[in-house]
Amino acid sequence: MNSKVRNKGVYSSIMEDFREIFEGVSKNYRQKLIYNLLNAVKCNNQKEFFWTVFRVLNANSDNPKVAEVSEKIGKMFPLNSSEFERVAYSIILGIMSAGGGESG
C-alpha cells in the first residue's frame, strides 16, 4: 500500500476538503459530476476519474483550497486499485456532503 495514503485521516481530510470546495455549487451540477465519477470508479478508470476531478478543480481555481487539494492528491500517485477506490469514494462523499447551491 502506498505509504502516503495509509493514514485513514487522509481520506477524511480529502472528504472535508471537497465538501468545502463544493459548498454552494448547484445540486444538479454536483449530481451529474457524482454520476460521472461513479462510472469511472466502477470501470476502475483512474485516468478519467482524475481528469474529471482536476478539470472541475481548475474551474474553481479562485478557491485557495483547490491548490492545496490538487497537491495533496498529486502526491499520492501511483495508486493501486483499492487505494484508488478509497480516495475516489472520499472525493465523491465530500462532493455529496456539500450543501447549498440552487437545484438548477
N, C-alpha and C. Protein backbone atom coordinates (compact mmCIF):
# COMPACT_ATOMS: atom_id res chain seq x y z
N MET A 1 0.84 -1.19 0.00
CA MET A 1 0.00 0.00 0.00
C MET A 1 0.88 1.24 0.00
N ASN A 2 0.48 2.22 -0.71
CA ASN A 2 1.18 3.49 -0.79
C ASN A 2 1.25 4.12 0.59
N SER A 3 2.45 4.39 1.08
CA SER A 3 2.60 4.93 2.44
C SER A 3 1.94 6.29 2.59
N LYS A 4 1.71 6.97 1.51
CA LYS A 4 1.11 8.31 1.59
C LYS A 4 -0.39 8.27 1.85
N VAL A 5 -1.02 7.11 1.66
CA VAL A 5 -2.45 7.01 1.91
C VAL A 5 -2.77 5.96 2.98
N ARG A 6 -1.78 5.50 3.71
CA ARG A 6 -2.03 4.54 4.79
C ARG A 6 -2.85 5.15 5.91
N ASN A 7 -2.61 6.39 6.18
CA ASN A 7 -3.28 7.06 7.28
C ASN A 7 -4.74 7.32 6.91
N LYS A 8 -5.66 6.76 7.69
CA LYS A 8 -7.08 6.92 7.39
C LYS A 8 -7.52 8.37 7.49
N GLY A 9 -6.76 9.19 8.22
CA GLY A 9 -7.08 10.61 8.32
C GLY A 9 -6.98 11.31 6.98
N VAL A 10 -6.18 10.75 6.08
CA VAL A 10 -6.05 11.35 4.74
C VAL A 10 -7.39 11.31 4.02
N TYR A 11 -8.12 10.21 4.17
CA TYR A 11 -9.40 10.07 3.48
C TYR A 11 -10.42 11.08 4.02
N SER A 12 -10.48 11.22 5.33
CA SER A 12 -11.44 12.18 5.90
C SER A 12 -11.02 13.61 5.57
N SER A 13 -9.73 13.85 5.48
CA SER A 13 -9.24 15.18 5.10
C SER A 13 -9.64 15.52 3.67
N ILE A 14 -9.48 14.55 2.78
CA ILE A 14 -9.87 14.76 1.38
C ILE A 14 -11.37 15.01 1.29
N MET A 15 -12.14 14.22 2.02
CA MET A 15 -13.60 14.38 2.00
C MET A 15 -13.99 15.77 2.49
N GLU A 16 -13.39 16.23 3.56
CA GLU A 16 -13.69 17.56 4.09
C GLU A 16 -13.27 18.67 3.12
N ASP A 17 -12.11 18.50 2.50
CA ASP A 17 -11.63 19.49 1.52
C ASP A 17 -12.62 19.62 0.37
N PHE A 18 -13.08 18.50 -0.16
CA PHE A 18 -14.02 18.55 -1.29
C PHE A 18 -15.38 19.10 -0.86
N ARG A 19 -15.78 18.82 0.37
CA ARG A 19 -17.02 19.40 0.88
C ARG A 19 -16.91 20.91 0.88
N GLU A 20 -15.79 21.44 1.36
CA GLU A 20 -15.59 22.89 1.39
C GLU A 20 -15.56 23.50 -0.01
N ILE A 21 -14.86 22.84 -0.92
CA ILE A 21 -14.73 23.37 -2.29
C ILE A 21 -16.08 23.41 -2.99
N PHE A 22 -16.92 22.41 -2.76
CA PHE A 22 -18.20 22.31 -3.47
C PHE A 22 -19.37 22.91 -2.70
N GLU A 23 -19.10 23.52 -1.56
CA GLU A 23 -20.14 24.20 -0.80
C GLU A 23 -20.71 25.32 -1.68
N GLY A 24 -22.01 25.33 -1.86
CA GLY A 24 -22.65 26.38 -2.65
C GLY A 24 -22.77 26.07 -4.14
N VAL A 25 -22.17 24.98 -4.60
CA VAL A 25 -22.28 24.59 -6.00
C VAL A 25 -23.65 23.94 -6.19
N SER A 26 -24.28 24.19 -7.31
CA SER A 26 -25.64 23.70 -7.53
C SER A 26 -25.75 22.19 -7.36
N LYS A 27 -26.87 21.79 -6.82
CA LYS A 27 -27.14 20.38 -6.56
C LYS A 27 -27.15 19.58 -7.86
N ASN A 28 -27.75 20.12 -8.91
CA ASN A 28 -27.80 19.41 -10.19
C ASN A 28 -26.41 19.17 -10.76
N TYR A 29 -25.55 20.19 -10.66
CA TYR A 29 -24.18 20.05 -11.15
C TYR A 29 -23.44 18.97 -10.37
N ARG A 30 -23.59 18.99 -9.04
CA ARG A 30 -22.92 18.00 -8.21
C ARG A 30 -23.43 16.59 -8.52
N GLN A 31 -24.74 16.45 -8.74
CA GLN A 31 -25.30 15.13 -9.06
C GLN A 31 -24.74 14.59 -10.37
N LYS A 32 -24.65 15.43 -11.38
CA LYS A 32 -24.10 15.00 -12.67
C LYS A 32 -22.63 14.62 -12.52
N LEU A 33 -21.89 15.42 -11.78
CA LEU A 33 -20.48 15.15 -11.56
C LEU A 33 -20.30 13.82 -10.82
N ILE A 34 -21.09 13.62 -9.77
CA ILE A 34 -21.00 12.38 -8.99
C ILE A 34 -21.31 11.17 -9.87
N TYR A 35 -22.32 11.29 -10.71
CA TYR A 35 -22.68 10.20 -11.63
C TYR A 35 -21.48 9.85 -12.52
N ASN A 36 -20.84 10.86 -13.09
CA ASN A 36 -19.69 10.62 -13.97
C ASN A 36 -18.52 10.01 -13.20
N LEU A 37 -18.29 10.49 -11.98
CA LEU A 37 -17.19 9.97 -11.17
C LEU A 37 -17.45 8.52 -10.76
N LEU A 38 -18.69 8.21 -10.38
CA LEU A 38 -19.03 6.84 -10.01
C LEU A 38 -18.84 5.87 -11.18
N ASN A 39 -19.17 6.31 -12.38
CA ASN A 39 -18.96 5.47 -13.55
C ASN A 39 -17.47 5.19 -13.77
N ALA A 40 -16.64 6.19 -13.56
CA ALA A 40 -15.19 6.00 -13.71
C ALA A 40 -14.66 5.03 -12.66
N VAL A 41 -15.17 5.14 -11.42
CA VAL A 41 -14.74 4.23 -10.36
C VAL A 41 -15.18 2.80 -10.68
N LYS A 42 -16.41 2.66 -11.15
CA LYS A 42 -16.95 1.34 -11.50
C LYS A 42 -16.07 0.64 -12.53
N CYS A 43 -15.54 1.40 -13.46
CA CYS A 43 -14.68 0.85 -14.52
C CYS A 43 -13.20 0.83 -14.10
N ASN A 44 -12.91 1.27 -12.87
CA ASN A 44 -11.55 1.39 -12.36
C ASN A 44 -10.69 2.24 -13.31
N ASN A 45 -11.28 3.29 -13.83
CA ASN A 45 -10.61 4.17 -14.78
C ASN A 45 -10.06 5.39 -14.04
N GLN A 46 -8.86 5.22 -13.50
CA GLN A 46 -8.25 6.30 -12.73
C GLN A 46 -7.98 7.53 -13.59
N LYS A 47 -7.57 7.28 -14.82
CA LYS A 47 -7.24 8.40 -15.71
C LYS A 47 -8.47 9.29 -15.92
N GLU A 48 -9.61 8.72 -16.25
CA GLU A 48 -10.82 9.50 -16.48
C GLU A 48 -11.30 10.16 -15.19
N PHE A 49 -11.23 9.42 -14.08
CA PHE A 49 -11.68 9.95 -12.80
C PHE A 49 -10.90 11.21 -12.44
N PHE A 50 -9.57 11.10 -12.44
CA PHE A 50 -8.76 12.24 -12.02
C PHE A 50 -8.74 13.35 -13.05
N TRP A 51 -8.90 13.03 -14.34
CA TRP A 51 -9.02 14.07 -15.35
C TRP A 51 -10.26 14.92 -15.03
N THR A 52 -11.37 14.26 -14.72
CA THR A 52 -12.61 14.96 -14.39
C THR A 52 -12.44 15.78 -13.12
N VAL A 53 -11.84 15.19 -12.09
CA VAL A 53 -11.65 15.89 -10.82
C VAL A 53 -10.79 17.13 -11.02
N PHE A 54 -9.65 16.99 -11.69
CA PHE A 54 -8.76 18.14 -11.87
C PHE A 54 -9.37 19.20 -12.79
N ARG A 55 -10.16 18.78 -13.76
CA ARG A 55 -10.85 19.74 -14.63
C ARG A 55 -11.81 20.59 -13.81
N VAL A 56 -12.56 19.94 -12.93
CA VAL A 56 -13.51 20.65 -12.07
C VAL A 56 -12.78 21.54 -11.08
N LEU A 57 -11.68 21.05 -10.52
CA LEU A 57 -10.90 21.87 -9.59
C LEU A 57 -10.35 23.11 -10.29
N ASN A 58 -9.87 22.95 -11.52
CA ASN A 58 -9.35 24.10 -12.26
C ASN A 58 -10.43 25.15 -12.51
N ALA A 59 -11.66 24.71 -12.67
CA ALA A 59 -12.77 25.64 -12.87
C ALA A 59 -13.05 26.43 -11.60
N ASN A 60 -12.60 25.93 -10.45
CA ASN A 60 -12.78 26.60 -9.17
C ASN A 60 -11.46 27.13 -8.63
N SER A 61 -10.54 27.47 -9.52
CA SER A 61 -9.19 27.84 -9.11
C SER A 61 -9.13 29.12 -8.27
N ASP A 62 -10.23 29.88 -8.22
CA ASP A 62 -10.24 31.08 -7.37
C ASP A 62 -10.34 30.72 -5.89
N ASN A 63 -10.69 29.48 -5.60
CA ASN A 63 -10.78 28.99 -4.22
C ASN A 63 -9.37 28.58 -3.77
N PRO A 64 -8.85 29.17 -2.69
CA PRO A 64 -7.48 28.85 -2.25
C PRO A 64 -7.29 27.40 -1.83
N LYS A 65 -8.36 26.72 -1.49
CA LYS A 65 -8.29 25.32 -1.07
C LYS A 65 -7.94 24.40 -2.24
N VAL A 66 -8.24 24.83 -3.46
CA VAL A 66 -8.05 24.00 -4.65
C VAL A 66 -6.58 23.61 -4.84
N ALA A 67 -5.68 24.57 -4.72
CA ALA A 67 -4.26 24.27 -4.92
C ALA A 67 -3.77 23.27 -3.89
N GLU A 68 -4.20 23.44 -2.65
CA GLU A 68 -3.81 22.53 -1.57
C GLU A 68 -4.29 21.11 -1.84
N VAL A 69 -5.55 20.99 -2.26
CA VAL A 69 -6.14 19.67 -2.54
C VAL A 69 -5.47 19.03 -3.76
N SER A 70 -5.24 19.81 -4.79
CA SER A 70 -4.59 19.28 -6.00
C SER A 70 -3.21 18.73 -5.68
N GLU A 71 -2.47 19.44 -4.86
CA GLU A 71 -1.14 18.99 -4.47
C GLU A 71 -1.23 17.72 -3.63
N LYS A 72 -2.17 17.67 -2.70
CA LYS A 72 -2.35 16.51 -1.84
C LYS A 72 -2.65 15.26 -2.68
N ILE A 73 -3.54 15.40 -3.65
CA ILE A 73 -3.90 14.26 -4.50
C ILE A 73 -2.72 13.86 -5.38
N GLY A 74 -2.03 14.84 -5.93
CA GLY A 74 -0.89 14.56 -6.80
C GLY A 74 0.23 13.79 -6.11
N LYS A 75 0.41 14.00 -4.82
CA LYS A 75 1.47 13.32 -4.08
C LYS A 75 1.14 11.85 -3.79
N MET A 76 -0.08 11.43 -4.03
CA MET A 76 -0.50 10.07 -3.71
C MET A 76 -0.16 9.05 -4.78
N PHE A 77 0.13 9.50 -5.98
CA PHE A 77 0.33 8.58 -7.09
C PHE A 77 1.63 7.82 -6.97
N PRO A 78 1.70 6.60 -7.48
CA PRO A 78 0.62 5.84 -8.10
C PRO A 78 -0.26 5.17 -7.05
N LEU A 79 -1.49 4.90 -7.43
CA LEU A 79 -2.46 4.26 -6.54
C LEU A 79 -2.80 2.87 -7.07
N ASN A 80 -2.84 1.89 -6.17
CA ASN A 80 -3.33 0.59 -6.60
C ASN A 80 -4.85 0.64 -6.60
N SER A 81 -5.49 -0.42 -7.01
CA SER A 81 -6.94 -0.43 -7.20
C SER A 81 -7.71 -0.11 -5.91
N SER A 82 -7.32 -0.72 -4.80
CA SER A 82 -8.06 -0.48 -3.55
C SER A 82 -7.81 0.93 -3.02
N GLU A 83 -6.60 1.43 -3.16
CA GLU A 83 -6.31 2.81 -2.75
C GLU A 83 -7.11 3.79 -3.59
N PHE A 84 -7.16 3.51 -4.90
CA PHE A 84 -7.93 4.37 -5.79
C PHE A 84 -9.38 4.44 -5.35
N GLU A 85 -9.97 3.29 -5.04
CA GLU A 85 -11.37 3.28 -4.61
C GLU A 85 -11.57 4.10 -3.34
N ARG A 86 -10.67 3.96 -2.38
CA ARG A 86 -10.79 4.71 -1.13
C ARG A 86 -10.70 6.22 -1.36
N VAL A 87 -9.72 6.62 -2.15
CA VAL A 87 -9.56 8.05 -2.44
C VAL A 87 -10.76 8.55 -3.24
N ALA A 88 -11.17 7.78 -4.23
CA ALA A 88 -12.28 8.19 -5.09
C ALA A 88 -13.57 8.35 -4.29
N TYR A 89 -13.86 7.39 -3.43
CA TYR A 89 -15.09 7.50 -2.63
C TYR A 89 -15.00 8.61 -1.61
N SER A 90 -13.82 8.93 -1.13
CA SER A 90 -13.66 10.08 -0.23
C SER A 90 -14.00 11.38 -0.96
N ILE A 91 -13.53 11.48 -2.20
CA ILE A 91 -13.83 12.66 -3.02
C ILE A 91 -15.32 12.74 -3.28
N ILE A 92 -15.90 11.63 -3.70
CA ILE A 92 -17.34 11.60 -4.03
C ILE A 92 -18.19 11.93 -2.81
N LEU A 93 -17.86 11.34 -1.66
CA LEU A 93 -18.62 11.64 -0.44
C LEU A 93 -18.49 13.10 -0.03
N GLY A 94 -17.31 13.67 -0.24
CA GLY A 94 -17.12 15.08 0.05
C GLY A 94 -18.01 15.96 -0.81
N ILE A 95 -18.08 15.64 -2.09
CA ILE A 95 -18.94 16.40 -3.02
C ILE A 95 -20.40 16.23 -2.63
N MET A 96 -20.78 15.00 -2.29
CA MET A 96 -22.16 14.73 -1.91
C MET A 96 -22.56 15.47 -0.63
N SER A 97 -21.62 15.61 0.29
CA SER A 97 -21.95 16.23 1.58
C SER A 97 -21.97 17.75 1.54
N ALA A 98 -21.52 18.33 0.43
CA ALA A 98 -21.54 19.78 0.30
C ALA A 98 -22.97 20.26 0.25
N GLY A 99 -23.23 21.36 0.88
CA GLY A 99 -24.58 21.90 0.90
C GLY A 99 -24.67 23.17 0.07
N GLY A 100 -25.85 23.72 0.07
CA GLY A 100 -26.06 24.99 -0.63
C GLY A 100 -26.23 24.81 -2.11
N GLY A 101 -26.31 25.90 -2.78
CA GLY A 101 -26.49 25.86 -4.23
C GLY A 101 -27.94 25.65 -4.58
N GLU A 102 -28.33 26.20 -5.68
CA GLU A 102 -29.70 26.03 -6.17
C GLU A 102 -29.80 24.70 -6.90
N SER A 103 -31.01 24.23 -7.05
CA SER A 103 -31.23 22.98 -7.78
C SER A 103 -30.99 23.12 -9.26
N GLY A 104 -31.04 24.30 -9.77
CA GLY A 104 -30.89 24.47 -11.21
C GLY A 104 -29.62 25.02 -11.65
